[in-house]
Amino acid sequence: MSANASKKVIFAALLGNTLIAITKFAAAFMTGSSAMLSEGIHSLVDTGNQGLLLHGLKQAKKPADKDFPFGHGKEIYFWSFVVAILIFAVGAGVSLYEGVHHILHPRPIENVLLNYIVLGFALLFEGAAWFFALGEFSRAKGKWGYIEAVHRGKDPSMFVVLFEDSAAMLGLLVAAVGIGLSQYTGILYFDGIASVIIGLILGGTAIWLAYETKGLLIGESANQHVVEGIRTLAQGIPEIKQVKEVLTMHMGPDFILVNISADFTNSTSTGQLERLIAQLDQRIKTKFPQVKRIFIEAEVSLKSKST
């Protein structure tokens, strides 16, 4: 997924969630609905999260320097993890609190029709953002399944937005059901229960996002087809007797660091070794443009040479 495509998805979600949050809070204030207040908090958290993701994308573009010789690509991983924490701590926490509070101290919902109107518009706007994010994600995932694409994906900004929008759609449906049950049965607890369920949805979403971004933040390897492709290119050089290791790590969505340990034939001279290493370096970067830096540990006659 390109940075431009990620930005389009984030901007679309940012605009939609800003408008939705304003209308939800207005409706919650006018009607006193706990579920609607939870939904307003949810949209507000999502709005802030999109701002953090945009900040992460901007920071990730900063060039390498003496303190960060491999660049700042992992900034997007860090801010994606922060987003997951915020969804859990703020979104889920406040929704659960509001839900429990309204279960213990229920009160009637006023002007119920307004809630339904707001939920309808929210579903419309949220659905549009969700379809846009899903379309971009579907194009980016290629032949992988959706769960596999999330697990293997190296650009968390895309699936973070998709997760948020999916949780938002589900939360809107829960809020509508909770308000409807409270209205038609007269049992006011349903509104608070809906708020609790929304909190649990947000909590589950946050835990999954945190799990998927943790590996990238720590230092996840490139996908297996990239690793095997690099190994195949190295083994294709006749002077290499054995490829011992191919170690990779994503320094950002579009930056792979590679370390190769290989045994060369004893007849390989120093001059040949330098040319072969340069040739291998070029081949790898041509086939896999995301590979930006390559370190090769070359062994000839038990003497180690590296580049």
Foldseek 3Di string as FASTA:
>chain_A
DDPVLLLVLLVLLLVLLVVLLVLLVVLCVVWVFLLSVLLSQLSVLSNVLSVLLVVLSVQQPDDADPVRNQGQQCSNLVSLLVSLVCLQCRNLVVLQVSLVVCLVVPDGTPPLVSLVVSLVVSLVSLVVSLVSLVVSLVVVQPPDDPVVCLQQAQRLSSVSSNLSSVLSNVLSVLQVVLSVCCVPVVPRSSSSVSSNVSSVSSNVSSVVSNVSSVCLNVWHFHDPVLQVVLLVLVVVDVQWPDWDDWTWTDSHNLEIEIETETEGEQPQDPVNVVVVVVVSVVVSCVVRVSYDYYKYWYAHPNDTDID
